[in-house]
Protein backbone atom coordinates (compact mmCIF):
# COMPACT_ATOMS: atom_id res chain seq x y z
CA UNK A 1 -15.89 -31.12 25.51
CA UNK A 2 -12.48 -31.68 27.10
CA UNK A 3 -11.21 -35.21 27.40
CA UNK A 4 -11.69 -36.91 30.76
CA UNK A 5 -8.72 -37.69 32.97
CA UNK A 6 -8.39 -40.78 35.15
CA UNK A 7 -4.89 -40.31 36.57
CA UNK A 8 -4.23 -38.22 39.64
CA UNK A 9 -3.72 -34.52 39.08
CA UNK A 10 -0.21 -33.18 39.12
CA UNK A 11 0.42 -31.10 42.21
CA UNK A 12 3.12 -28.47 42.62
CA UNK A 13 6.31 -29.25 44.48
CA UNK A 14 5.97 -29.57 48.27
CA UNK A 15 8.47 -29.50 51.13
CA UNK A 16 8.12 -33.26 51.62
CA UNK A 17 9.40 -33.90 48.09
CA UNK A 18 12.42 -31.64 48.42
CA UNK A 19 15.56 -33.72 48.87
CA UNK A 20 18.44 -32.58 51.06
CA UNK A 21 21.12 -30.78 49.10
CA UNK A 22 18.83 -29.89 46.19
CA UNK A 23 18.39 -26.39 44.81
CA UNK A 24 14.99 -25.88 46.50
CA UNK A 25 16.05 -26.96 49.99
CA UNK A 26 14.88 -24.49 52.62
CA UNK A 27 16.59 -23.93 55.94
CA UNK A 28 14.66 -22.59 58.86
CA UNK A 29 10.98 -21.79 58.44
CA UNK A 30 9.63 -23.19 55.18
CA UNK A 31 6.18 -23.19 53.68
CA UNK A 32 4.67 -24.96 50.70
CA UNK A 33 3.58 -21.59 49.32
CA UNK A 34 7.25 -20.73 48.77
CA UNK A 35 7.51 -23.55 46.24
CA UNK A 36 4.39 -22.35 44.41
CA UNK A 37 5.86 -18.99 43.54
CA UNK A 38 7.55 -19.06 40.09
CA UNK A 39 9.90 -16.27 41.24
CA UNK A 40 11.20 -18.36 44.15
CA UNK A 41 11.12 -21.87 42.68
CA UNK A 42 14.52 -22.83 41.27
CA UNK A 43 15.07 -25.34 38.45
CA UNK A 44 16.62 -28.60 39.58
CA UNK A 45 19.65 -30.01 37.83
CA UNK A 46 18.80 -32.90 35.50
CA UNK A 47 15.05 -32.65 36.08
CA UNK A 48 12.29 -30.95 34.15
CA UNK A 49 10.94 -27.64 35.39
CA UNK A 50 8.14 -28.11 37.88
CA UNK A 51 4.98 -26.09 37.50
CA UNK A 52 3.72 -23.98 40.39
CA UNK A 53 0.07 -24.75 39.64
CA UNK A 54 -2.15 -27.80 39.99
CA UNK A 55 -2.45 -29.51 36.61
CA UNK A 56 -4.51 -32.49 35.44
CA UNK A 57 -2.97 -35.90 34.85
CA UNK A 58 -0.74 -36.90 31.97
CA UNK A 59 -3.64 -38.52 30.07
CA UNK A 60 -5.59 -35.26 29.96
CA UNK A 61 -6.28 -33.89 26.47
CA UNK A 62 -6.39 -30.12 26.17
CA UNK A 63 -8.73 -28.47 23.67
CA UNK A 64 -12.17 -29.25 22.28
CA UNK A 65 -13.41 -32.67 21.33
CA UNK A 66 -14.86 -32.61 17.81
CA UNK A 67 -16.72 -35.81 16.85
CA UNK A 68 -16.01 -37.09 13.36
CA UNK A 69 -19.13 -37.17 11.20
CA UNK A 70 -17.56 -37.55 7.76
CA UNK A 71 -17.13 -41.32 8.01
CA UNK A 72 -13.37 -41.30 7.61
CA UNK A 73 -11.49 -42.69 4.64
CA UNK A 74 -14.18 -45.15 3.37
CA UNK A 75 -16.78 -42.44 2.98
CA UNK A 76 -14.27 -40.06 1.40
CA UNK A 77 -13.31 -42.68 -1.19
CA UNK A 78 -16.82 -43.94 -1.91
CA UNK A 79 -18.64 -40.59 -2.11
CA UNK A 80 -18.00 -37.17 -3.48
CA UNK A 81 -19.93 -34.48 -1.67
CA UNK A 82 -20.31 -31.34 -3.70
CA UNK A 83 -22.04 -28.09 -2.87
CA UNK A 84 -25.18 -27.61 -4.90
CA UNK A 85 -25.30 -24.31 -6.75
CA UNK A 86 -27.88 -21.84 -5.58
CA UNK A 87 -30.40 -20.70 -8.13
CA UNK A 88 -31.27 -17.05 -7.75
CA UNK A 89 -34.82 -16.20 -8.72
CA UNK A 90 -34.66 -13.04 -10.76
CA UNK A 91 -37.75 -11.13 -11.81
CA UNK A 92 -37.43 -10.66 -15.54
CA UNK A 93 -38.60 -7.42 -17.19
CA UNK A 94 -41.85 -7.25 -19.10
CA UNK A 95 -41.97 -8.24 -22.75
CA UNK A 96 -43.81 -5.20 -24.10
CA UNK A 97 -43.32 -6.25 -27.72
CA UNK A 98 -45.30 -9.46 -27.23
CA UNK A 99 -47.94 -7.74 -25.08
CA UNK A 100 -48.41 -4.89 -27.57
CA UNK A 101 -48.77 -7.36 -30.41
CA UNK A 102 -51.40 -9.30 -28.45
CA UNK A 103 -53.27 -6.10 -27.52
CA UNK A 104 -53.45 -5.02 -31.16
CA UNK A 105 -54.73 -8.43 -32.21
CA UNK A 106 -57.41 -8.18 -29.50
CA UNK A 107 -58.55 -4.82 -30.92
CA UNK A 108 -57.29 -2.48 -28.18
CA UNK A 109 -56.19 0.97 -29.34
CA UNK A 110 -56.23 3.37 -26.35
CA UNK A 111 -53.65 3.69 -23.60
CA UNK A 112 -56.18 2.75 -20.92
CA UNK A 113 -57.04 -0.46 -22.75
CA UNK A 114 -53.34 -1.24 -23.13
CA UNK A 115 -52.78 -0.82 -19.37
CA UNK A 116 -55.69 -3.16 -18.63
CA UNK A 117 -54.21 -5.69 -21.04
CA UNK A 118 -50.81 -5.42 -19.33
CA UNK A 119 -52.41 -6.21 -15.97
CA UNK A 120 -54.37 -9.13 -17.39
CA UNK A 121 -51.53 -10.57 -19.52
CA UNK A 122 -48.32 -10.00 -17.62
CA UNK A 123 -45.79 -11.53 -20.02
CA UNK A 124 -42.14 -11.53 -18.96
CA UNK A 125 -39.02 -11.91 -21.03
CA UNK A 126 -37.22 -15.23 -20.99
CA UNK A 127 -33.86 -15.57 -19.34
CA UNK A 128 -32.01 -16.43 -22.52
CA UNK A 129 -33.62 -13.54 -24.39
CA UNK A 130 -32.52 -11.11 -21.69
CA UNK A 131 -28.95 -12.39 -21.83
CA UNK A 132 -26.41 -9.80 -22.85
CA UNK A 133 -24.51 -12.25 -25.03
CA UNK A 134 -27.58 -13.07 -27.05
CA UNK A 135 -28.55 -9.45 -27.51
CA UNK A 136 -25.03 -8.34 -28.42
CA UNK A 137 -22.70 -11.34 -28.82
CA UNK A 138 -18.99 -10.50 -28.64
CA UNK A 139 -17.27 -10.18 -31.97
CA UNK A 140 -14.34 -12.57 -31.64
CA UNK A 141 -12.52 -14.49 -34.36
CA UNK A 142 -13.36 -18.13 -34.95
CA UNK A 143 -9.92 -19.40 -33.88
CA UNK A 144 -9.84 -17.28 -30.72
CA UNK A 145 -8.47 -19.05 -27.64
CA UNK A 146 -9.32 -17.84 -24.17
CA UNK A 147 -6.75 -17.75 -21.42
CA UNK A 148 -3.25 -16.45 -20.84
CA UNK A 149 -0.43 -17.83 -23.00
CA UNK A 150 2.27 -19.63 -21.11
CA UNK A 151 5.64 -17.95 -20.75
CA UNK A 152 8.43 -19.33 -22.85
CA UNK A 153 10.94 -21.37 -20.91
CA UNK A 154 14.20 -19.68 -19.95
CA UNK A 155 17.30 -20.89 -21.84
CA UNK A 156 19.29 -23.32 -19.73
CA UNK A 157 22.60 -21.80 -20.86
CA UNK A 158 21.57 -18.38 -19.52
CA UNK A 159 20.68 -19.96 -16.20
CA UNK A 160 24.00 -21.80 -15.96
CA UNK A 161 26.00 -18.68 -16.87
CA UNK A 162 24.10 -16.50 -14.35
CA UNK A 163 23.15 -14.16 -17.17
CA UNK A 164 20.04 -12.89 -15.41
CA UNK A 165 22.13 -12.03 -12.36
CA UNK A 166 24.54 -10.00 -14.50
CA UNK A 167 21.65 -8.19 -16.20
CA UNK A 168 20.14 -7.37 -12.84
CA UNK A 169 23.47 -6.08 -11.52
CA UNK A 170 23.91 -3.88 -14.61
CA UNK A 171 20.45 -2.45 -14.13
CA UNK A 172 21.21 -1.71 -10.48
CA UNK A 173 24.51 -0.04 -11.40
CA UNK A 174 22.80 2.12 -14.02
CA UNK A 175 20.08 3.06 -11.56
CA UNK A 176 22.66 3.98 -8.91
CA UNK A 177 24.64 6.08 -11.38
CA UNK A 178 21.48 7.91 -12.46
CA UNK A 179 20.58 8.65 -8.84
CA UNK A 180 24.08 9.98 -8.14
CA UNK A 181 23.99 12.21 -11.22
CA UNK A 182 20.59 13.56 -10.25
CA UNK A 183 21.74 14.17 -6.68
CA UNK A 184 24.90 15.93 -7.91
CA UNK A 185 22.81 18.07 -10.23
CA UNK A 186 20.51 19.05 -7.38
CA UNK A 187 23.41 19.87 -5.04
CA UNK A 188 25.00 22.32 -7.52
CA UNK A 189 24.59 25.87 -6.20
CA UNK A 190 22.67 28.31 -8.33
CA UNK A 191 24.18 31.60 -9.35
CA UNK A 192 22.72 34.73 -7.85
CA UNK A 193 22.94 38.29 -9.11
CA UNK A 194 25.86 38.95 -6.79
CA UNK A 195 27.93 36.00 -8.07
CA UNK A 196 27.04 36.86 -11.67
CA UNK A 197 28.20 40.47 -11.24
CA UNK A 198 31.44 39.25 -9.68
CA UNK A 199 32.20 37.13 -12.75
CA UNK A 200 30.86 39.63 -15.28
CA UNK A 201 31.18 43.16 -13.88
CA UNK A 202 29.22 45.83 -15.79
CA UNK A 203 31.26 48.29 -17.89
CA UNK A 204 32.16 51.51 -16.15
CA UNK A 205 30.12 54.51 -17.21
CA UNK A 206 32.19 57.18 -18.91
CA UNK A 207 31.51 60.64 -17.57
CA UNK A 208 30.19 62.93 -20.26
CA UNK A 209 31.57 66.47 -20.31
CA UNK A 210 29.14 67.65 -22.92
CA UNK A 211 27.00 70.67 -22.06
CA UNK A 212 24.38 72.58 -23.88
CA UNK A 213 25.86 75.25 -26.17
CA UNK A 214 23.57 77.98 -24.84
CA UNK A 215 24.86 77.46 -21.30
CA UNK A 216 28.58 77.72 -22.10
CA UNK A 217 28.84 81.54 -22.44
CA UNK A 218 26.36 82.55 -19.79
CA UNK A 219 27.85 85.01 -17.39
CA UNK A 220 27.30 85.09 -13.65
CA UNK A 221 24.28 86.94 -12.38
CA UNK A 222 26.10 88.17 -9.27
CA UNK A 223 29.73 89.30 -9.03
CA UNK A 224 31.24 89.60 -5.51
CA UNK A 225 34.66 90.79 -6.63
CA UNK A 226 35.41 94.51 -6.69
CA UNK A 227 37.04 94.39 -10.09
CA UNK A 228 38.14 91.95 -12.80
CA UNK A 229 41.78 91.78 -11.57
CA UNK A 230 40.69 90.59 -8.12
CA UNK A 231 38.53 87.91 -9.68
CA UNK A 232 41.41 86.61 -11.85
CA UNK A 233 43.73 86.66 -8.85
CA UNK A 234 41.25 84.55 -6.81
CA UNK A 235 40.80 82.01 -9.63
CA UNK A 236 44.56 81.72 -10.14
CA UNK A 237 45.03 80.97 -6.44
CA UNK A 238 42.39 78.20 -6.37
CA UNK A 239 43.40 76.51 -9.66
């Protein structure tokens, strides 16, 4: 509930309140609606900014009123309210060992008789017996201490000498150098077959003038010369 207000509400600026020579003085036709427009209303020198809306008085409290029910400081000092833990009711599993032992003592031997005994004597395991730590307790040494060990205090001389700052700067320099080396390694162009052959040209193949022996003394199958002298004369002219 909002707080009640007894003082008069604050109204926006009107033409009657505008003083001659002020920033909001209007010449000619003037209306009060002009002074209720935040785009037209000008701030006055040495005075707080007027609002263009009707507001409650200065003794008005904005927000919700929350009544105090805790009693204040005396109740906080004299009492200590704690939340009560909730107890969850868990249905424990059946204790078949105890029920089977009781059924055997009663003289039951068949499965049907055992089922009837289970319905008549519904024995459940106890909470502590069903606990995991009791069934399989953790194997810890006798002088075992739970918790996290506290960190050893930093040497005061290292703090005064800014040793940790220097170590951090060295690590950053090493990391930057490693990144630059990796980037330089990646930017190196790979050799292709063309560039490799330019650097290492293959050896020139030597032309072999070897022929089969049986083809060296084979004569021509067709002779177009009239006689042997004409043939020699033609060969001597071409060679």
